[in-house]
N, C-alpha and C. Protein backbone atom coordinates (compact mmCIF):
# COMPACT_ATOMS: atom_id res chain seq x y z
N MET A 1 -177.26 -5.45 -199.46
CA MET A 1 -177.23 -5.65 -198.02
C MET A 1 -176.03 -4.95 -197.37
N LYS A 2 -174.88 -4.97 -198.08
CA LYS A 2 -173.69 -4.31 -197.54
C LYS A 2 -173.92 -2.81 -197.38
N LYS A 3 -174.64 -2.19 -198.33
CA LYS A 3 -174.90 -0.76 -198.25
C LYS A 3 -175.74 -0.42 -197.03
N VAL A 4 -176.70 -1.28 -196.71
CA VAL A 4 -177.56 -1.05 -195.54
C VAL A 4 -176.73 -1.14 -194.27
N ILE A 5 -175.85 -2.12 -194.16
CA ILE A 5 -175.01 -2.27 -192.98
C ILE A 5 -174.08 -1.08 -192.83
N ILE A 6 -173.47 -0.65 -193.93
CA ILE A 6 -172.59 0.51 -193.88
C ILE A 6 -173.36 1.76 -193.48
N PHE A 7 -174.57 1.92 -194.00
CA PHE A 7 -175.41 3.06 -193.65
C PHE A 7 -175.75 3.06 -192.15
N VAL A 8 -176.12 1.91 -191.62
CA VAL A 8 -176.47 1.80 -190.20
C VAL A 8 -175.24 2.10 -189.34
N ILE A 9 -174.09 1.59 -189.71
CA ILE A 9 -172.87 1.86 -188.96
C ILE A 9 -172.54 3.35 -189.01
N ALA A 10 -172.69 3.97 -190.17
CA ALA A 10 -172.43 5.40 -190.29
C ALA A 10 -173.36 6.22 -189.40
N ILE A 11 -174.62 5.88 -189.38
CA ILE A 11 -175.59 6.58 -188.52
C ILE A 11 -175.21 6.41 -187.05
N LEU A 12 -174.84 5.20 -186.66
CA LEU A 12 -174.45 4.95 -185.27
C LEU A 12 -173.20 5.75 -184.90
N LEU A 13 -172.25 5.84 -185.81
CA LEU A 13 -171.04 6.63 -185.55
C LEU A 13 -171.38 8.12 -185.41
N ILE A 14 -172.27 8.61 -186.22
CA ILE A 14 -172.69 10.01 -186.12
C ILE A 14 -173.37 10.26 -184.77
N ILE A 15 -174.25 9.37 -184.38
CA ILE A 15 -174.94 9.52 -183.08
C ILE A 15 -173.94 9.45 -181.94
N PHE A 16 -173.02 8.49 -181.99
CA PHE A 16 -172.00 8.36 -180.94
C PHE A 16 -171.15 9.62 -180.87
N GLY A 17 -170.75 10.15 -182.03
CA GLY A 17 -169.95 11.37 -182.06
C GLY A 17 -170.69 12.55 -181.45
N TYR A 18 -171.96 12.68 -181.76
CA TYR A 18 -172.77 13.77 -181.21
C TYR A 18 -172.88 13.65 -179.69
N VAL A 19 -173.17 12.45 -179.21
CA VAL A 19 -173.30 12.23 -177.76
C VAL A 19 -171.97 12.50 -177.08
N TYR A 20 -170.88 12.04 -177.66
CA TYR A 20 -169.56 12.27 -177.10
C TYR A 20 -169.26 13.77 -177.04
N TYR A 21 -169.57 14.49 -178.12
CA TYR A 21 -169.34 15.93 -178.16
C TYR A 21 -170.15 16.64 -177.08
N MET A 22 -171.42 16.28 -176.94
CA MET A 22 -172.27 16.94 -175.95
C MET A 22 -171.80 16.64 -174.53
N LYS A 23 -171.29 15.45 -174.31
CA LYS A 23 -170.84 15.06 -172.97
C LYS A 23 -169.57 15.80 -172.57
N PHE A 24 -168.64 15.97 -173.50
CA PHE A 24 -167.33 16.51 -173.16
C PHE A 24 -167.06 17.89 -173.73
N SER A 25 -168.08 18.54 -174.27
CA SER A 25 -167.91 19.88 -174.81
C SER A 25 -167.66 20.87 -173.69
N ASN A 26 -166.74 21.79 -173.92
CA ASN A 26 -166.42 22.81 -172.91
C ASN A 26 -167.46 23.92 -172.86
N ASP A 27 -168.34 23.99 -173.86
CA ASP A 27 -169.37 25.02 -173.87
C ASP A 27 -170.48 24.75 -172.87
N SER A 28 -170.61 23.52 -172.45
CA SER A 28 -171.70 23.20 -171.53
C SER A 28 -171.21 23.26 -170.09
N ILE A 29 -172.08 23.69 -169.23
CA ILE A 29 -171.78 23.74 -167.80
C ILE A 29 -172.85 22.91 -167.09
N GLU A 30 -172.40 21.93 -166.34
CA GLU A 30 -173.37 21.16 -165.56
C GLU A 30 -173.89 22.06 -164.45
N ALA A 31 -175.17 22.17 -164.36
CA ALA A 31 -175.78 23.08 -163.39
C ALA A 31 -175.88 22.42 -162.03
N LEU A 32 -174.94 22.75 -161.18
CA LEU A 32 -174.98 22.29 -159.80
C LEU A 32 -175.37 23.44 -158.88
N SER A 33 -175.51 24.61 -159.49
CA SER A 33 -175.85 25.80 -158.72
C SER A 33 -177.33 25.83 -158.39
N LYS A 34 -177.64 26.58 -157.37
CA LYS A 34 -179.03 26.85 -157.02
C LYS A 34 -179.12 28.30 -156.61
N TYR A 35 -180.30 28.79 -156.45
CA TYR A 35 -180.51 30.18 -156.09
C TYR A 35 -179.77 30.48 -154.79
N GLY A 36 -178.96 31.53 -154.81
CA GLY A 36 -178.16 31.90 -153.65
C GLY A 36 -176.74 31.37 -153.70
N SER A 37 -176.39 30.62 -154.76
CA SER A 37 -175.03 30.11 -154.91
C SER A 37 -174.06 31.23 -155.23
N SER A 38 -172.78 30.95 -155.06
CA SER A 38 -171.74 31.90 -155.46
C SER A 38 -170.51 31.10 -155.85
N GLY A 39 -169.55 31.78 -156.48
CA GLY A 39 -168.31 31.13 -156.84
C GLY A 39 -168.06 31.10 -158.34
N GLU A 40 -167.07 30.31 -158.73
CA GLU A 40 -166.61 30.25 -160.11
C GLU A 40 -167.70 29.78 -161.06
N GLU A 41 -168.49 28.80 -160.65
CA GLU A 41 -169.56 28.31 -161.52
C GLU A 41 -170.57 29.42 -161.81
N VAL A 42 -170.91 30.20 -160.81
CA VAL A 42 -171.84 31.32 -160.99
C VAL A 42 -171.23 32.35 -161.93
N ARG A 43 -169.93 32.62 -161.80
CA ARG A 43 -169.26 33.58 -162.67
C ARG A 43 -169.34 33.10 -164.12
N GLN A 44 -169.10 31.80 -164.36
CA GLN A 44 -169.17 31.26 -165.72
C GLN A 44 -170.58 31.40 -166.30
N ILE A 45 -171.57 31.10 -165.49
CA ILE A 45 -172.96 31.22 -165.95
C ILE A 45 -173.28 32.67 -166.26
N GLN A 46 -172.91 33.59 -165.35
CA GLN A 46 -173.17 35.00 -165.58
C GLN A 46 -172.49 35.49 -166.85
N GLN A 47 -171.24 35.06 -167.07
CA GLN A 47 -170.51 35.51 -168.25
C GLN A 47 -171.15 35.01 -169.53
N LYS A 48 -171.56 33.75 -169.56
CA LYS A 48 -172.22 33.21 -170.76
C LYS A 48 -173.55 33.93 -171.01
N LEU A 49 -174.33 34.15 -169.98
CA LEU A 49 -175.60 34.86 -170.14
C LEU A 49 -175.37 36.29 -170.62
N LYS A 50 -174.32 36.94 -170.10
CA LYS A 50 -174.00 38.31 -170.53
C LYS A 50 -173.58 38.31 -171.99
N ASN A 51 -172.75 37.34 -172.41
CA ASN A 51 -172.32 37.24 -173.81
C ASN A 51 -173.51 37.05 -174.74
N TRP A 52 -174.51 36.34 -174.29
CA TRP A 52 -175.70 36.05 -175.10
C TRP A 52 -176.74 37.17 -175.01
N GLY A 53 -176.51 38.16 -174.13
CA GLY A 53 -177.43 39.28 -174.02
C GLY A 53 -178.58 39.08 -173.05
N TYR A 54 -178.52 38.05 -172.20
CA TYR A 54 -179.60 37.76 -171.25
C TYR A 54 -179.31 38.26 -169.84
N TYR A 55 -178.13 38.77 -169.59
CA TYR A 55 -177.75 39.22 -168.25
C TYR A 55 -177.10 40.58 -168.38
N THR A 56 -177.60 41.56 -167.62
CA THR A 56 -177.06 42.92 -167.73
C THR A 56 -176.31 43.36 -166.48
N GLY A 57 -176.29 42.53 -165.46
CA GLY A 57 -175.59 42.88 -164.23
C GLY A 57 -174.10 42.68 -164.34
N ASN A 58 -173.41 42.90 -163.22
CA ASN A 58 -171.97 42.67 -163.16
C ASN A 58 -171.68 41.18 -163.03
N VAL A 59 -170.60 40.75 -163.67
CA VAL A 59 -170.15 39.36 -163.52
C VAL A 59 -169.32 39.34 -162.25
N ASP A 60 -169.97 38.95 -161.13
CA ASP A 60 -169.34 39.11 -159.82
C ASP A 60 -169.36 37.85 -158.95
N ARG A 61 -169.74 36.71 -159.53
CA ARG A 61 -169.75 35.42 -158.81
C ARG A 61 -170.82 35.33 -157.74
N LYS A 62 -171.75 36.27 -157.69
CA LYS A 62 -172.76 36.24 -156.63
C LYS A 62 -174.16 36.27 -157.22
N VAL A 63 -175.07 35.54 -156.60
CA VAL A 63 -176.49 35.60 -156.94
C VAL A 63 -177.20 36.15 -155.71
N TRP A 64 -177.87 37.27 -155.89
CA TRP A 64 -178.54 37.89 -154.75
C TRP A 64 -179.87 37.22 -154.48
N LYS A 65 -180.19 37.05 -153.21
CA LYS A 65 -181.45 36.42 -152.80
C LYS A 65 -182.57 37.44 -152.83
């Protein structure tokens, strides 16, 4: 019975750690932008997309309508 309790606690800790990492990871950007937005958030999105090979334009903080 002790092994089962320890196993369940370990699984819960792993899940909590994953959720915590996803919530506070610097790699994620909360998308508050919409089409036509501009600014630092747009620059970060453009740069990440360019690094991944999905964006070929200039990283210029602007989204053209």
